[in-house]
């Protein structure tokens, strides 16, 4: 007997992998960034004051805090993010989106939109897209920091 929950979960995972693979080439060649680096910048863009702690970024990206630290280091060298110490707790540091990072994410968003149009171009009506959007929103409704 076919379990649709398993089938749909596998299809979602395969779809995500396929989309990431398509984006990976464009993000690397056009913007010099990985998919995860773009997602990190997008999370910062949506955060209050365009800043988040590494721990909060890790939660939202489903990564470890040390992975976020390793991802942020080259972005800091590129001037896309900066580090900001908490005035109340010296152990806490924030990752802050810089003006250059904000500009880079706007450029990457255009690439993202172009690829998204390719993903859905031939097989999806506007009604299909609205229904899919609603279903996916329900699936991730309780997840912290959903990107839009």
Protein backbone atom coordinates (compact mmCIF):
# COMPACT_ATOMS: atom_id res chain seq x y z
CA UNK A 1 0.00 0.00 0.00
CA UNK A 2 1.31 3.41 -0.97
CA UNK A 3 1.61 5.89 1.89
CA UNK A 4 0.83 9.33 0.44
CA UNK A 5 2.44 11.09 3.39
CA UNK A 6 5.74 9.40 2.63
CA UNK A 7 5.36 9.92 -1.12
CA UNK A 8 4.56 13.62 -0.72
CA UNK A 9 7.38 14.17 1.75
CA UNK A 10 9.83 12.56 -0.66
CA UNK A 11 8.47 14.66 -3.55
CA UNK A 12 8.84 17.84 -1.51
CA UNK A 13 12.43 16.94 -0.66
CA UNK A 14 13.25 16.08 -4.28
CA UNK A 15 11.63 19.31 -5.46
CA UNK A 16 13.64 21.34 -2.97
CA UNK A 17 16.87 19.66 -4.06
CA UNK A 18 16.08 20.27 -7.72
CA UNK A 19 15.28 23.95 -7.13
CA UNK A 20 18.43 24.44 -5.03
CA UNK A 21 20.54 22.87 -7.75
CA UNK A 22 19.11 25.27 -10.35
CA UNK A 23 19.65 28.26 -8.09
CA UNK A 24 23.13 27.20 -7.07
CA UNK A 25 24.67 27.76 -10.48
CA UNK A 26 23.13 31.19 -10.99
CA UNK A 27 23.86 32.40 -7.47
CA UNK A 28 27.49 31.28 -7.70
CA UNK A 29 28.19 32.58 -11.20
CA UNK A 30 26.19 35.81 -11.07
CA UNK A 31 26.45 36.81 -7.39
CA UNK A 32 29.36 34.78 -6.00
CA UNK A 33 27.15 33.31 -3.27
CA UNK A 34 25.78 29.91 -2.33
CA UNK A 35 22.06 29.24 -1.92
CA UNK A 36 22.46 29.08 1.87
CA UNK A 37 24.34 32.39 1.92
CA UNK A 38 21.51 34.02 -0.01
CA UNK A 39 18.98 32.53 2.43
CA UNK A 40 21.02 33.83 5.38
CA UNK A 41 20.99 37.33 3.87
CA UNK A 42 17.23 37.06 3.24
CA UNK A 43 16.62 36.15 6.89
CA UNK A 44 18.64 39.17 7.97
CA UNK A 45 16.77 41.39 5.52
CA UNK A 46 13.45 40.48 7.17
CA UNK A 47 14.69 40.77 10.76
CA UNK A 48 14.12 43.87 12.87
CA UNK A 49 17.06 46.24 12.37
CA UNK A 50 18.37 43.72 9.78
CA UNK A 51 20.18 41.83 12.53
CA UNK A 52 19.94 38.48 14.30
CA UNK A 53 21.97 36.44 16.71
CA UNK A 54 23.82 33.48 15.27
CA UNK A 55 21.69 31.16 17.41
CA UNK A 56 18.45 32.60 16.03
CA UNK A 57 19.78 32.40 12.46
CA UNK A 58 20.70 28.78 13.10
CA UNK A 59 17.18 27.98 14.30
CA UNK A 60 15.57 29.64 11.30
CA UNK A 61 17.90 27.99 8.81
CA UNK A 62 17.85 24.57 10.52
CA UNK A 63 21.64 24.63 10.92
CA UNK A 64 24.02 24.58 13.85
CA UNK A 65 25.27 27.86 15.30
CA UNK A 66 28.83 26.89 14.33
CA UNK A 67 27.72 26.41 10.70
CA UNK A 68 26.19 29.90 10.74
CA UNK A 69 29.45 31.26 12.15
CA UNK A 70 31.40 29.58 9.32
CA UNK A 71 28.93 30.95 6.75
CA UNK A 72 29.02 34.48 8.14
CA UNK A 73 32.83 34.80 8.14
CA UNK A 74 33.31 35.06 4.35
CA UNK A 75 30.21 37.26 4.06
CA UNK A 76 31.81 39.57 6.61
CA UNK A 77 35.05 39.68 4.61
CA UNK A 78 33.00 40.62 1.53
CA UNK A 79 31.35 43.43 3.51
CA UNK A 80 27.85 41.93 3.16
CA UNK A 81 27.39 41.44 6.91
CA UNK A 82 29.04 42.82 10.00
CA UNK A 83 29.32 41.70 13.58
CA UNK A 84 27.73 43.72 16.37
CA UNK A 85 28.24 43.02 20.06
CA UNK A 86 25.29 43.18 22.43
CA UNK A 87 25.65 46.14 24.78
CA UNK A 88 24.16 44.13 27.67
CA UNK A 89 25.83 40.74 27.16
CA UNK A 90 29.39 40.57 25.82
CA UNK A 91 28.93 36.87 25.00
CA UNK A 92 26.16 37.66 22.51
CA UNK A 93 26.97 38.92 19.03
CA UNK A 94 24.61 39.80 16.21
CA UNK A 95 25.05 39.28 12.49
CA UNK A 96 23.99 42.52 10.80
CA UNK A 97 23.13 43.04 7.15
CA UNK A 98 25.20 45.92 5.71
CA UNK A 99 24.11 48.29 2.95
CA UNK A 100 26.25 46.27 0.52
CA UNK A 101 24.53 43.10 1.72
CA UNK A 102 21.12 44.69 1.23
CA UNK A 103 22.06 45.62 -2.32
CA UNK A 104 23.42 42.12 -2.99
CA UNK A 105 20.23 40.48 -1.73
CA UNK A 106 18.11 42.71 -3.95
CA UNK A 107 20.17 41.58 -6.94
CA UNK A 108 19.98 37.92 -5.88
CA UNK A 109 16.22 38.20 -5.40
CA UNK A 110 15.88 39.13 -9.09
CA UNK A 111 17.82 35.97 -10.02
CA UNK A 112 15.66 33.98 -7.62
CA UNK A 113 12.46 35.36 -9.23
CA UNK A 114 13.73 34.47 -12.70
CA UNK A 115 14.46 30.89 -11.68
CA UNK A 116 11.11 30.63 -9.85
CA UNK A 117 9.33 31.60 -13.05
CA UNK A 118 11.15 28.77 -14.86
CA UNK A 119 10.13 26.26 -12.19
CA UNK A 120 6.44 27.01 -12.63
CA UNK A 121 6.27 28.23 -16.23
CA UNK A 122 4.54 25.54 -18.27
CA UNK A 123 2.61 23.33 -15.89
CA UNK A 124 0.98 25.68 -13.41
CA UNK A 125 -2.06 27.96 -13.70
CA UNK A 126 -2.51 30.94 -11.39
CA UNK A 127 -5.13 28.91 -9.51
CA UNK A 128 -2.65 26.03 -9.10
CA UNK A 129 -0.04 28.44 -7.74
CA UNK A 130 -2.48 29.99 -5.26
CA UNK A 131 -3.55 26.55 -4.03
CA UNK A 132 0.05 25.35 -3.72
CA UNK A 133 1.00 28.51 -1.85
CA UNK A 134 -1.82 27.99 0.61
CA UNK A 135 -0.93 24.34 1.17
CA UNK A 136 2.78 25.06 1.64
CA UNK A 137 1.98 27.90 4.02
CA UNK A 138 -0.09 25.51 6.12
CA UNK A 139 2.80 23.04 6.10
CA UNK A 140 5.30 25.58 7.48
CA UNK A 141 2.94 27.78 9.51
CA UNK A 142 4.55 26.94 12.84
CA UNK A 143 8.15 27.25 11.61
CA UNK A 144 10.10 30.26 12.91
CA UNK A 145 10.97 33.02 10.48
CA UNK A 146 9.31 32.02 7.24
CA UNK A 147 10.77 33.83 4.27
CA UNK A 148 8.52 35.60 1.79
